[in-house]
Amino acid sequence: TIATTRRNIPLSTQRRFDVYPDVNAGKIS
């Protein structure tokens, strides 16, 4: 179900980190 959802609505490949920052790339504790 997770895989199908992500394949049908592929948010992970559509994000625009050239427009806004990637929260996962920042300083995380």
mmCIF file of all heavy atoms, coordinates in Angstrom:
data_MODEL
# 
_entry.id   MODEL 
# 
loop_
_atom_site.group_PDB 
_atom_site.id 
_atom_site.type_symbol 
_atom_site.label_atom_id 
_atom_site.label_alt_id 
_atom_site.label_comp_id 
_atom_site.label_asym_id 
_atom_site.label_entity_id 
_atom_site.label_seq_id 
_atom_site.pdbx_PDB_ins_code 
_atom_site.Cartn_x 
_atom_site.Cartn_y 
_atom_site.Cartn_z 
_atom_site.occupancy 
_atom_site.B_iso_or_equiv 
_atom_site.pdbx_formal_charge 
_atom_site.auth_seq_id 
_atom_site.auth_comp_id 
_atom_site.auth_asym_id 
_atom_site.auth_atom_id 
_atom_site.pdbx_PDB_model_num 
ATOM 1   N N   . THR A 1 1  ? 0.832  -1.207 0.000   1.00 0.00 ? 1  THR A N   1 
ATOM 2   C CA  . THR A 1 1  ? 0.000  0.000  0.000   1.00 0.00 ? 1  THR A CA  1 
ATOM 3   C C   . THR A 1 1  ? 0.865  1.255  0.000   1.00 0.00 ? 1  THR A C   1 
ATOM 4   O O   . THR A 1 1  ? 0.570  2.240  -0.701  1.00 0.00 ? 1  THR A O   1 
ATOM 5   C CB  . THR A 1 1  ? -0.947 0.005  1.210   1.00 0.00 ? 1  THR A CB  1 
ATOM 6   O OG1 . THR A 1 1  ? -1.788 -1.136 1.142   1.00 0.00 ? 1  THR A OG1 1 
ATOM 7   C CG2 . THR A 1 1  ? -1.797 1.262  1.245   1.00 0.00 ? 1  THR A CG2 1 
ATOM 8   N N   . ILE A 1 2  ? 1.939  1.230  0.772   1.00 0.00 ? 2  ILE A N   1 
ATOM 9   C CA  . ILE A 1 2  ? 2.871  2.365  0.774   1.00 0.00 ? 2  ILE A CA  1 
ATOM 10  C C   . ILE A 1 2  ? 3.497  2.522  -0.603  1.00 0.00 ? 2  ILE A C   1 
ATOM 11  O O   . ILE A 1 2  ? 3.539  3.623  -1.177  1.00 0.00 ? 2  ILE A O   1 
ATOM 12  C CB  . ILE A 1 2  ? 3.959  2.173  1.850   1.00 0.00 ? 2  ILE A CB  1 
ATOM 13  C CG1 . ILE A 1 2  ? 3.341  2.084  3.237   1.00 0.00 ? 2  ILE A CG1 1 
ATOM 14  C CG2 . ILE A 1 2  ? 4.976  3.320  1.783   1.00 0.00 ? 2  ILE A CG2 1 
ATOM 15  C CD1 . ILE A 1 2  ? 4.332  1.725  4.340   1.00 0.00 ? 2  ILE A CD1 1 
ATOM 16  N N   . ALA A 1 3  ? 3.998  1.412  -1.168  1.00 0.00 ? 3  ALA A N   1 
ATOM 17  C CA  . ALA A 1 3  ? 4.681  1.470  -2.464  1.00 0.00 ? 3  ALA A CA  1 
ATOM 18  C C   . ALA A 1 3  ? 3.743  1.940  -3.570  1.00 0.00 ? 3  ALA A C   1 
ATOM 19  O O   . ALA A 1 3  ? 4.123  2.765  -4.418  1.00 0.00 ? 3  ALA A O   1 
ATOM 20  C CB  . ALA A 1 3  ? 5.250  0.097  -2.791  1.00 0.00 ? 3  ALA A CB  1 
ATOM 21  N N   . THR A 1 4  ? 2.520  1.430  -3.579  1.00 0.00 ? 4  THR A N   1 
ATOM 22  C CA  . THR A 1 4  ? 1.556  1.817  -4.617  1.00 0.00 ? 4  THR A CA  1 
ATOM 23  C C   . THR A 1 4  ? 1.206  3.295  -4.516  1.00 0.00 ? 4  THR A C   1 
ATOM 24  O O   . THR A 1 4  ? 1.132  4.013  -5.531  1.00 0.00 ? 4  THR A O   1 
ATOM 25  C CB  . THR A 1 4  ? 0.280  0.960  -4.495  1.00 0.00 ? 4  THR A CB  1 
ATOM 26  O OG1 . THR A 1 4  ? 0.626  -0.412 -4.681  1.00 0.00 ? 4  THR A OG1 1 
ATOM 27  C CG2 . THR A 1 4  ? -0.760 1.372  -5.528  1.00 0.00 ? 4  THR A CG2 1 
ATOM 28  N N   . THR A 1 5  ? 0.987  3.771  -3.287  1.00 0.00 ? 5  THR A N   1 
ATOM 29  C CA  . THR A 1 5  ? 0.672  5.193  -3.087  1.00 0.00 ? 5  THR A CA  1 
ATOM 30  C C   . THR A 1 5  ? 1.803  6.066  -3.606  1.00 0.00 ? 5  THR A C   1 
ATOM 31  O O   . THR A 1 5  ? 1.569  7.063  -4.322  1.00 0.00 ? 5  THR A O   1 
ATOM 32  C CB  . THR A 1 5  ? 0.426  5.474  -1.599  1.00 0.00 ? 5  THR A CB  1 
ATOM 33  O OG1 . THR A 1 5  ? -0.665 4.677  -1.143  1.00 0.00 ? 5  THR A OG1 1 
ATOM 34  C CG2 . THR A 1 5  ? 0.121  6.945  -1.365  1.00 0.00 ? 5  THR A CG2 1 
ATOM 35  N N   . ARG A 1 6  ? 3.020  5.707  -3.287  1.00 0.00 ? 6  ARG A N   1 
ATOM 36  C CA  . ARG A 1 6  ? 4.175  6.519  -3.695  1.00 0.00 ? 6  ARG A CA  1 
ATOM 37  C C   . ARG A 1 6  ? 4.448  6.417  -5.195  1.00 0.00 ? 6  ARG A C   1 
ATOM 38  O O   . ARG A 1 6  ? 4.960  7.368  -5.796  1.00 0.00 ? 6  ARG A O   1 
ATOM 39  C CB  . ARG A 1 6  ? 5.400  6.108  -2.871  1.00 0.00 ? 6  ARG A CB  1 
ATOM 40  C CG  . ARG A 1 6  ? 5.238  6.467  -1.398  1.00 0.00 ? 6  ARG A CG  1 
ATOM 41  C CD  . ARG A 1 6  ? 6.410  6.010  -0.535  1.00 0.00 ? 6  ARG A CD  1 
ATOM 42  N NE  . ARG A 1 6  ? 6.212  6.463  0.847   1.00 0.00 ? 6  ARG A NE  1 
ATOM 43  C CZ  . ARG A 1 6  ? 7.074  6.251  1.829   1.00 0.00 ? 6  ARG A CZ  1 
ATOM 44  N NH1 . ARG A 1 6  ? 8.212  5.584  1.587   1.00 0.00 ? 6  ARG A NH1 1 
ATOM 45  N NH2 . ARG A 1 6  ? 6.818  6.687  3.042   1.00 0.00 ? 6  ARG A NH2 1 
ATOM 46  N N   . ARG A 1 7  ? 4.119  5.278  -5.784  1.00 0.00 ? 7  ARG A N   1 
ATOM 47  C CA  . ARG A 1 7  ? 4.286  5.139  -7.235  1.00 0.00 ? 7  ARG A CA  1 
ATOM 48  C C   . ARG A 1 7  ? 3.221  5.949  -7.986  1.00 0.00 ? 7  ARG A C   1 
ATOM 49  O O   . ARG A 1 7  ? 3.511  6.610  -8.992  1.00 0.00 ? 7  ARG A O   1 
ATOM 50  C CB  . ARG A 1 7  ? 4.193  3.660  -7.618  1.00 0.00 ? 7  ARG A CB  1 
ATOM 51  C CG  . ARG A 1 7  ? 4.409  3.413  -9.114  1.00 0.00 ? 7  ARG A CG  1 
ATOM 52  C CD  . ARG A 1 7  ? 4.466  1.924  -9.430  1.00 0.00 ? 7  ARG A CD  1 
ATOM 53  N NE  . ARG A 1 7  ? 3.228  1.230  -9.077  1.00 0.00 ? 7  ARG A NE  1 
ATOM 54  C CZ  . ARG A 1 7  ? 3.121  0.359  -8.079  1.00 0.00 ? 7  ARG A CZ  1 
ATOM 55  N NH1 . ARG A 1 7  ? 4.170  0.075  -7.314  1.00 0.00 ? 7  ARG A NH1 1 
ATOM 56  N NH2 . ARG A 1 7  ? 1.972  -0.235 -7.824  1.00 0.00 ? 7  ARG A NH2 1 
ATOM 57  N N   . ASN A 1 8  ? 1.998  5.922  -7.487  1.00 0.00 ? 8  ASN A N   1 
ATOM 58  C CA  . ASN A 1 8  ? 0.912  6.611  -8.183  1.00 0.00 ? 8  ASN A CA  1 
ATOM 59  C C   . ASN A 1 8  ? 0.970  8.122  -8.022  1.00 0.00 ? 8  ASN A C   1 
ATOM 60  O O   . ASN A 1 8  ? 0.562  8.871  -8.922  1.00 0.00 ? 8  ASN A O   1 
ATOM 61  C CB  . ASN A 1 8  ? -0.434 6.104  -7.660  1.00 0.00 ? 8  ASN A CB  1 
ATOM 62  C CG  . ASN A 1 8  ? -0.703 4.658  -8.046  1.00 0.00 ? 8  ASN A CG  1 
ATOM 63  O OD1 . ASN A 1 8  ? 0.010  4.085  -8.870  1.00 0.00 ? 8  ASN A OD1 1 
ATOM 64  N ND2 . ASN A 1 8  ? -1.726 4.057  -7.448  1.00 0.00 ? 8  ASN A ND2 1 
ATOM 65  N N   . ILE A 1 9  ? 1.439  8.570  -6.863  1.00 0.00 ? 9  ILE A N   1 
ATOM 66  C CA  . ILE A 1 9  ? 1.585  10.016 -6.608  1.00 0.00 ? 9  ILE A CA  1 
ATOM 67  C C   . ILE A 1 9  ? 3.039  10.225 -6.187  1.00 0.00 ? 9  ILE A C   1 
ATOM 68  O O   . ILE A 1 9  ? 3.352  10.223 -4.996  1.00 0.00 ? 9  ILE A O   1 
ATOM 69  C CB  . ILE A 1 9  ? 0.610  10.491 -5.511  1.00 0.00 ? 9  ILE A CB  1 
ATOM 70  C CG1 . ILE A 1 9  ? -0.821 10.066 -5.838  1.00 0.00 ? 9  ILE A CG1 1 
ATOM 71  C CG2 . ILE A 1 9  ? 0.691  12.016 -5.344  1.00 0.00 ? 9  ILE A CG2 1 
ATOM 72  C CD1 . ILE A 1 9  ? -1.834 10.378 -4.740  1.00 0.00 ? 9  ILE A CD1 1 
ATOM 73  N N   . PRO A 1 10 ? 3.959  10.393 -7.131  1.00 0.00 ? 10 PRO A N   1 
ATOM 74  C CA  . PRO A 1 10 ? 5.405  10.307 -6.853  1.00 0.00 ? 10 PRO A CA  1 
ATOM 75  C C   . PRO A 1 10 ? 5.999  11.594 -6.267  1.00 0.00 ? 10 PRO A C   1 
ATOM 76  O O   . PRO A 1 10 ? 6.858  12.249 -6.871  1.00 0.00 ? 10 PRO A O   1 
ATOM 77  C CB  . PRO A 1 10 ? 6.002  9.981  -8.216  1.00 0.00 ? 10 PRO A CB  1 
ATOM 78  C CG  . PRO A 1 10 ? 5.081  10.637 -9.189  1.00 0.00 ? 10 PRO A CG  1 
ATOM 79  C CD  . PRO A 1 10 ? 3.702  10.529 -8.584  1.00 0.00 ? 10 PRO A CD  1 
ATOM 80  N N   . LEU A 1 11 ? 5.572  11.921 -5.076  1.00 0.00 ? 11 LEU A N   1 
ATOM 81  C CA  . LEU A 1 11 ? 6.054  13.154 -4.456  1.00 0.00 ? 11 LEU A CA  1 
ATOM 82  C C   . LEU A 1 11 ? 7.571  13.184 -4.308  1.00 0.00 ? 11 LEU A C   1 
ATOM 83  O O   . LEU A 1 11 ? 8.193  14.247 -4.425  1.00 0.00 ? 11 LEU A O   1 
ATOM 84  C CB  . LEU A 1 11 ? 5.410  13.315 -3.070  1.00 0.00 ? 11 LEU A CB  1 
ATOM 85  C CG  . LEU A 1 11 ? 3.886  13.384 -2.995  1.00 0.00 ? 11 LEU A CG  1 
ATOM 86  C CD1 . LEU A 1 11 ? 3.444  13.592 -1.545  1.00 0.00 ? 11 LEU A CD1 1 
ATOM 87  C CD2 . LEU A 1 11 ? 3.337  14.488 -3.884  1.00 0.00 ? 11 LEU A CD2 1 
ATOM 88  N N   . SER A 1 12 ? 8.170  12.017 -4.040  1.00 0.00 ? 12 SER A N   1 
ATOM 89  C CA  . SER A 1 12 ? 9.602  12.000 -3.731  1.00 0.00 ? 12 SER A CA  1 
ATOM 90  C C   . SER A 1 12 ? 10.466 12.455 -4.897  1.00 0.00 ? 12 SER A C   1 
ATOM 91  O O   . SER A 1 12 ? 11.583 12.946 -4.691  1.00 0.00 ? 12 SER A O   1 
ATOM 92  C CB  . SER A 1 12 ? 10.036 10.602 -3.284  1.00 0.00 ? 12 SER A CB  1 
ATOM 93  O OG  . SER A 1 12 ? 9.866  9.670  -4.334  1.00 0.00 ? 12 SER A OG  1 
ATOM 94  N N   . THR A 1 13 ? 9.966  12.296 -6.123  1.00 0.00 ? 13 THR A N   1 
ATOM 95  C CA  . THR A 1 13 ? 10.743 12.726 -7.292  1.00 0.00 ? 13 THR A CA  1 
ATOM 96  C C   . THR A 1 13 ? 10.301 14.088 -7.814  1.00 0.00 ? 13 THR A C   1 
ATOM 97  O O   . THR A 1 13 ? 10.882 14.590 -8.782  1.00 0.00 ? 13 THR A O   1 
ATOM 98  C CB  . THR A 1 13 ? 10.612 11.695 -8.430  1.00 0.00 ? 13 THR A CB  1 
ATOM 99  O OG1 . THR A 1 13 ? 9.236  11.590 -8.826  1.00 0.00 ? 13 THR A OG1 1 
ATOM 100 C CG2 . THR A 1 13 ? 11.127 10.327 -7.975  1.00 0.00 ? 13 THR A CG2 1 
ATOM 101 N N   . GLN A 1 14 ? 9.290  14.677 -7.187  1.00 0.00 ? 14 GLN A N   1 
ATOM 102 C CA  . GLN A 1 14 ? 8.736  15.932 -7.692  1.00 0.00 ? 14 GLN A CA  1 
ATOM 103 C C   . GLN A 1 14 ? 9.049  17.133 -6.818  1.00 0.00 ? 14 GLN A C   1 
ATOM 104 O O   . GLN A 1 14 ? 8.679  18.264 -7.163  1.00 0.00 ? 14 GLN A O   1 
ATOM 105 C CB  . GLN A 1 14 ? 7.213  15.782 -7.838  1.00 0.00 ? 14 GLN A CB  1 
ATOM 106 C CG  . GLN A 1 14 ? 6.811  14.741 -8.874  1.00 0.00 ? 14 GLN A CG  1 
ATOM 107 C CD  . GLN A 1 14 ? 5.316  14.476 -8.886  1.00 0.00 ? 14 GLN A CD  1 
ATOM 108 O OE1 . GLN A 1 14 ? 4.643  14.617 -7.865  1.00 0.00 ? 14 GLN A OE1 1 
ATOM 109 N NE2 . GLN A 1 14 ? 4.796  14.081 -10.029 1.00 0.00 ? 14 GLN A NE2 1 
ATOM 110 N N   . ARG A 1 15 ? 9.723  16.904 -5.699  1.00 0.00 ? 15 ARG A N   1 
ATOM 111 C CA  . ARG A 1 15 ? 10.025 18.021 -4.805  1.00 0.00 ? 15 ARG A CA  1 
ATOM 112 C C   . ARG A 1 15 ? 11.033 18.952 -5.450  1.00 0.00 ? 15 ARG A C   1 
ATOM 113 O O   . ARG A 1 15 ? 11.933 18.525 -6.180  1.00 0.00 ? 15 ARG A O   1 
ATOM 114 C CB  . ARG A 1 15 ? 10.523 17.514 -3.450  1.00 0.00 ? 15 ARG A CB  1 
ATOM 115 C CG  . ARG A 1 15 ? 9.421  16.828 -2.653  1.00 0.00 ? 15 ARG A CG  1 
ATOM 116 C CD  . ARG A 1 15 ? 9.826  16.545 -1.214  1.00 0.00 ? 15 ARG A CD  1 
ATOM 117 N NE  . ARG A 1 15 ? 8.662  16.083 -0.458  1.00 0.00 ? 15 ARG A NE  1 
ATOM 118 C CZ  . ARG A 1 15 ? 8.293  14.823 -0.342  1.00 0.00 ? 15 ARG A CZ  1 
ATOM 119 N NH1 . ARG A 1 15 ? 9.034  13.874 -0.893  1.00 0.00 ? 15 ARG A NH1 1 
ATOM 120 N NH2 . ARG A 1 15 ? 7.206  14.483 0.331   1.00 0.00 ? 15 ARG A NH2 1 
ATOM 121 N N   . ARG A 1 16 ? 10.943 20.255 -5.123  1.00 0.00 ? 16 ARG A N   1 
ATOM 122 C CA  . ARG A 1 16 ? 11.768 21.289 -5.747  1.00 0.00 ? 16 ARG A CA  1 
ATOM 123 C C   . ARG A 1 16 ? 12.669 21.930 -4.703  1.00 0.00 ? 16 ARG A C   1 
ATOM 124 O O   . ARG A 1 16 ? 12.383 22.998 -4.174  1.00 0.00 ? 16 ARG A O   1 
ATOM 125 C CB  . ARG A 1 16 ? 10.854 22.347 -6.393  1.00 0.00 ? 16 ARG A CB  1 
ATOM 126 C CG  . ARG A 1 16 ? 10.087 21.842 -7.611  1.00 0.00 ? 16 ARG A CG  1 
ATOM 127 C CD  . ARG A 1 16 ? 11.001 21.666 -8.826  1.00 0.00 ? 16 ARG A CD  1 
ATOM 128 N NE  . ARG A 1 16 ? 11.758 22.872 -9.079  1.00 0.00 ? 16 ARG A NE  1 
ATOM 129 C CZ  . ARG A 1 16 ? 11.297 23.938 -9.767  1.00 0.00 ? 16 ARG A CZ  1 
ATOM 130 N NH1 . ARG A 1 16 ? 10.068 23.913 -10.252 1.00 0.00 ? 16 ARG A NH1 1 
ATOM 131 N NH2 . ARG A 1 16 ? 12.051 24.999 -9.959  1.00 0.00 ? 16 ARG A NH2 1 
ATOM 132 N N   . PHE A 1 17 ? 13.776 21.246 -4.380  1.00 0.00 ? 17 PHE A N   1 
ATOM 133 C CA  . PHE A 1 17 ? 14.683 21.777 -3.367  1.00 0.00 ? 17 PHE A CA  1 
ATOM 134 C C   . PHE A 1 17 ? 15.525 22.926 -3.908  1.00 0.00 ? 17 PHE A C   1 
ATOM 135 O O   . PHE A 1 17 ? 16.301 23.533 -3.165  1.00 0.00 ? 17 PHE A O   1 
ATOM 136 C CB  . PHE A 1 17 ? 15.558 20.660 -2.804  1.00 0.00 ? 17 PHE A CB  1 
ATOM 137 C CG  . PHE A 1 17 ? 14.783 19.594 -2.079  1.00 0.00 ? 17 PHE A CG  1 
ATOM 138 C CD1 . PHE A 1 17 ? 15.034 18.251 -2.280  1.00 0.00 ? 17 PHE A CD1 1 
ATOM 139 C CD2 . PHE A 1 17 ? 13.758 19.944 -1.194  1.00 0.00 ? 17 PHE A CD2 1 
ATOM 140 C CE1 . PHE A 1 17 ? 14.307 17.283 -1.621  1.00 0.00 ? 17 PHE A CE1 1 
ATOM 141 C CE2 . PHE A 1 17 ? 13.019 18.975 -0.528  1.00 0.00 ? 17 PHE A CE2 1 
ATOM 142 C CZ  . PHE A 1 17 ? 13.298 17.639 -0.742  1.00 0.00 ? 17 PHE A CZ  1 
ATOM 143 N N   . ASP A 1 18 ? 15.356 23.239 -5.209  1.00 0.00 ? 18 ASP A N   1 
ATOM 144 C CA  . ASP A 1 18 ? 15.940 24.467 -5.744  1.00 0.00 ? 18 ASP A CA  1 
ATOM 145 C C   . ASP A 1 18 ? 15.049 25.678 -5.437  1.00 0.00 ? 18 ASP A C   1 
ATOM 146 O O   . ASP A 1 18 ? 15.481 26.826 -5.540  1.00 0.00 ? 18 ASP A O   1 
ATOM 147 C CB  . ASP A 1 18 ? 16.138 24.364 -7.254  1.00 0.00 ? 18 ASP A CB  1 
ATOM 148 C CG  . ASP A 1 18 ? 14.840 24.085 -8.005  1.00 0.00 ? 18 ASP A CG  1 
ATOM 149 O OD1 . ASP A 1 18 ? 13.986 23.332 -7.477  1.00 0.00 ? 18 ASP A OD1 1 
ATOM 150 O OD2 . ASP A 1 18 ? 14.666 24.616 -9.122  1.00 0.00 ? 18 ASP A OD2 1 
ATOM 151 N N   . VAL A 1 19 ? 13.819 25.402 -5.010  1.00 0.00 ? 19 VAL A N   1 
ATOM 152 C CA  . VAL A 1 19 ? 12.861 26.468 -4.703  1.00 0.00 ? 19 VAL A CA  1 
ATOM 153 C C   . VAL A 1 19 ? 12.723 26.661 -3.193  1.00 0.00 ? 19 VAL A C   1 
ATOM 154 O O   . VAL A 1 19 ? 12.567 27.779 -2.707  1.00 0.00 ? 19 VAL A O   1 
ATOM 155 C CB  . VAL A 1 19 ? 11.481 26.141 -5.326  1.00 0.00 ? 19 VAL A CB  1 
ATOM 156 C CG1 . VAL A 1 19 ? 10.432 27.183 -4.933  1.00 0.00 ? 19 VAL A CG1 1 
ATOM 157 C CG2 . VAL A 1 19 ? 11.599 26.030 -6.837  1.00 0.00 ? 19 VAL A CG2 1 
ATOM 158 N N   . TYR A 1 20 ? 12.778 25.557 -2.446  1.00 0.00 ? 20 TYR A N   1 
ATOM 159 C CA  . TYR A 1 20 ? 12.617 25.597 -0.988  1.00 0.00 ? 20 TYR A CA  1 
ATOM 160 C C   . TYR A 1 20 ? 13.597 24.587 -0.380  1.00 0.00 ? 20 TYR A C   1 
ATOM 161 O O   . TYR A 1 20 ? 14.050 23.660 -1.068  1.00 0.00 ? 20 TYR A O   1 
ATOM 162 C CB  . TYR A 1 20 ? 11.176 25.288 -0.573  1.00 0.00 ? 20 TYR A CB  1 
ATOM 163 C CG  . TYR A 1 20 ? 10.561 24.129 -1.310  1.00 0.00 ? 20 TYR A CG  1 
ATOM 164 C CD1 . TYR A 1 20 ? 10.851 22.807 -0.958  1.00 0.00 ? 20 TYR A CD1 1 
ATOM 165 C CD2 . TYR A 1 20 ? 9.680  24.334 -2.370  1.00 0.00 ? 20 TYR A CD2 1 
ATOM 166 C CE1 . TYR A 1 20 ? 10.297 21.739 -1.632  1.00 0.00 ? 20 TYR A CE1 1 
ATOM 167 C CE2 . TYR A 1 20 ? 9.114  23.269 -3.052  1.00 0.00 ? 20 TYR A CE2 1 
ATOM 168 C CZ  . TYR A 1 20 ? 9.430  21.976 -2.686  1.00 0.00 ? 20 TYR A CZ  1 
ATOM 169 O OH  . TYR A 1 20 ? 8.885  20.921 -3.362  1.00 0.00 ? 20 TYR A OH  1 
ATOM 170 N N   . PRO A 1 21 ? 13.923 24.742 0.895   1.00 0.00 ? 21 PRO A N   1 
ATOM 171 C CA  . PRO A 1 21 ? 14.926 23.853 1.503   1.00 0.00 ? 21 PRO A CA  1 
ATOM 172 C C   . PRO A 1 21 ? 14.368 22.475 1.826   1.00 0.00 ? 21 PRO A C   1 
ATOM 173 O O   . PRO A 1 21 ? 13.167 22.295 2.023   1.00 0.00 ? 21 PRO A O   1 
ATOM 174 C CB  . PRO A 1 21 ? 15.324 24.597 2.788   1.00 0.00 ? 21 PRO A CB  1 
ATOM 175 C CG  . PRO A 1 21 ? 14.141 25.438 3.118   1.00 0.00 ? 21 PRO A CG  1 
ATOM 176 C CD  . PRO A 1 21 ? 13.530 25.845 1.807   1.00 0.00 ? 21 PRO A CD  1 
ATOM 177 N N   . ASP A 1 22 ? 15.271 21.501 1.881   1.00 0.00 ? 22 ASP A N   1 
ATOM 178 C CA  . ASP A 1 22 ? 14.942 20.136 2.281   1.00 0.00 ? 22 ASP A CA  1 
ATOM 179 C C   . ASP A 1 22 ? 15.133 20.030 3.788   1.00 0.00 ? 22 ASP A C   1 
ATOM 180 O O   . ASP A 1 22 ? 16.260 20.082 4.285   1.00 0.00 ? 22 ASP A O   1 
ATOM 181 C CB  . ASP A 1 22 ? 15.872 19.164 1.546   1.00 0.00 ? 22 ASP A CB  1 
ATOM 182 C CG  . ASP A 1 22 ? 15.634 17.710 1.931   1.00 0.00 ? 22 ASP A CG  1 
ATOM 183 O OD1 . ASP A 1 22 ? 14.723 17.448 2.742   1.00 0.00 ? 22 ASP A OD1 1 
ATOM 184 O OD2 . ASP A 1 22 ? 16.374 16.845 1.427   1.00 0.00 ? 22 ASP A OD2 1 
ATOM 185 N N   . VAL A 1 23 ? 14.038 19.878 4.527   1.00 0.00 ? 23 VAL A N   1 
ATOM 186 C CA  . VAL A 1 23 ? 14.127 19.812 5.985   1.00 0.00 ? 23 VAL A CA  1 
ATOM 187 C C   . VAL A 1 23 ? 14.983 18.635 6.434   1.00 0.00 ? 23 VAL A C   1 
ATOM 188 O O   . VAL A 1 23 ? 15.635 18.677 7.480   1.00 0.00 ? 23 VAL A O   1 
ATOM 189 C CB  . VAL A 1 23 ? 12.721 19.743 6.620   1.00 0.00 ? 23 VAL A CB  1 
ATOM 190 C CG1 . VAL A 1 23 ? 12.005 18.453 6.266   1.00 0.00 ? 23 VAL A CG1 1 
ATOM 191 C CG2 . VAL A 1 23 ? 12.788 19.898 8.126   1.00 0.00 ? 23 VAL A CG2 1 
ATOM 192 N N   . ASN A 1 24 ? 15.044 17.586 5.614   1.00 0.00 ? 24 ASN A N   1 
ATOM 193 C CA  . ASN A 1 24 ? 15.831 16.408 5.963   1.00 0.00 ? 24 ASN A CA  1 
ATOM 194 C C   . ASN A 1 24 ? 17.334 16.624 5.786   1.00 0.00 ? 24 ASN A C   1 
ATOM 195 O O   . ASN A 1 24 ? 18.140 15.820 6.262   1.00 0.00 ? 24 ASN A O   1 
ATOM 196 C CB  . ASN A 1 24 ? 15.376 15.216 5.117   1.00 0.00 ? 24 ASN A CB  1 
ATOM 197 C CG  . ASN A 1 24 ? 15.993 13.919 5.554   1.00 0.00 ? 24 ASN A CG  1 
ATOM 198 O OD1 . ASN A 1 24 ? 16.008 13.598 6.736   1.00 0.00 ? 24 ASN A OD1 1 
ATOM 199 N ND2 . ASN A 1 24 ? 16.526 13.163 4.606   1.00 0.00 ? 24 ASN A ND2 1 
ATOM 200 N N   . ALA A 1 25 ? 17.713 17.700 5.118   1.00 0.00 ? 25 ALA A N   1 
ATOM 201 C CA  . ALA A 1 25 ? 19.132 17.966 4.878   1.00 0.00 ? 25 ALA A CA  1 
ATOM 202 C C   . ALA A 1 25 ? 19.710 18.932 5.907   1.00 0.00 ? 25 ALA A C   1 
ATOM 203 O O   . ALA A 1 25 ? 20.904 19.214 5.888   1.00 0.00 ? 25 ALA A O   1 
ATOM 204 C CB  . ALA A 1 25 ? 19.327 18.530 3.468   1.00 0.00 ? 25 ALA A CB  1 
ATOM 205 N N   . GLY A 1 26 ? 18.887 19.440 6.787   1.00 0.00 ? 26 GLY A N   1 
ATOM 206 C CA  . GLY A 1 26 ? 19.350 20.399 7.785   1.00 0.00 ? 26 GLY A CA  1 
ATOM 207 C C   . GLY A 1 26 ? 19.939 19.720 8.999   1.00 0.00 ? 26 GLY A C   1 
ATOM 208 O O   . GLY A 1 26 ? 20.159 18.505 9.030   1.00 0.00 ? 26 GLY A O   1 
ATOM 209 N N   . LYS A 1 27 ? 20.165 20.508 10.029  1.00 0.00 ? 27 LYS A N   1 
ATOM 210 C CA  . LYS A 1 27 ? 20.679 19.981 11.283  1.00 0.00 ? 27 LYS A CA  1 
ATOM 211 C C   . LYS A 1 27 ? 19.535 19.297 12.028  1.00 0.00 ? 27 LYS A C   1 
ATOM 212 O O   . LYS A 1 27 ? 18.528 19.922 12.358  1.00 0.00 ? 27 LYS A O   1 
ATOM 213 C CB  . LYS A 1 27 ? 21.256 21.112 12.139  1.00 0.00 ? 27 LYS A CB  1 
ATOM 214 C CG  . LYS A 1 27 ? 21.858 20.639 13.456  1.00 0.00 ? 27 LYS A CG  1 
ATOM 215 C CD  . LYS A 1 27 ? 22.396 21.807 14.263  1.00 0.00 ? 27 LYS A CD  1 
ATOM 216 C CE  . LYS A 1 27 ? 22.946 21.319 15.598  1.00 0.00 ? 27 LYS A CE  1 
ATOM 217 N NZ  . LYS A 1 27 ? 23.458 22.468 16.428  1.00 0.00 ? 27 LYS A NZ  1 
ATOM 218 N N   . ILE A 1 28 ? 19.682 18.009 12.296  1.00 0.00 ? 28 ILE A N   1 
ATOM 219 C CA  . ILE A 1 28 ? 18.625 17.215 12.928  1.00 0.00 ? 28 ILE A CA  1 
ATOM 220 C C   . ILE A 1 28 ? 19.213 16.504 14.132  1.00 0.00 ? 28 ILE A C   1 
ATOM 221 O O   . ILE A 1 28 ? 20.288 15.911 14.054  1.00 0.00 ? 28 ILE A O   1 
ATOM 222 C CB  . ILE A 1 28 ? 18.044 16.178 11.953  1.00 0.00 ? 28 ILE A CB  1 
ATOM 223 C CG1 . ILE A 1 28 ? 17.533 16.865 10.678  1.00 0.00 ? 28 ILE A CG1 1 
ATOM 224 C CG2 . ILE A 1 28 ? 16.913 15.386 12.609  1.00 0.00 ? 28 ILE A CG2 1 
ATOM 225 C CD1 . ILE A 1 28 ? 17.211 15.903 9.556   1.00 0.00 ? 28 ILE A CD1 1 
ATOM 226 N N   . SER A 1 29 ? 18.507 16.547 15.237  1.00 0.00 ? 29 SER A N   1 
ATOM 227 C CA  . SER A 1 29 ? 18.957 15.868 16.448  1.00 0.00 ? 29 SER A CA  1 
ATOM 228 C C   . SER A 1 29 ? 18.287 14.502 16.563  1.00 0.00 ? 29 SER A C   1 
ATOM 229 O O   . SER A 1 29 ? 17.060 14.406 16.612  1.00 0.00 ? 29 SER A O   1 
ATOM 230 C CB  . SER A 1 29 ? 18.628 16.706 17.690  1.00 0.00 ? 29 SER A CB  1 
ATOM 231 O OG  . SER A 1 29 ? 18.948 15.990 18.859  1.00 0.00 ? 29 SER A OG  1 
# 
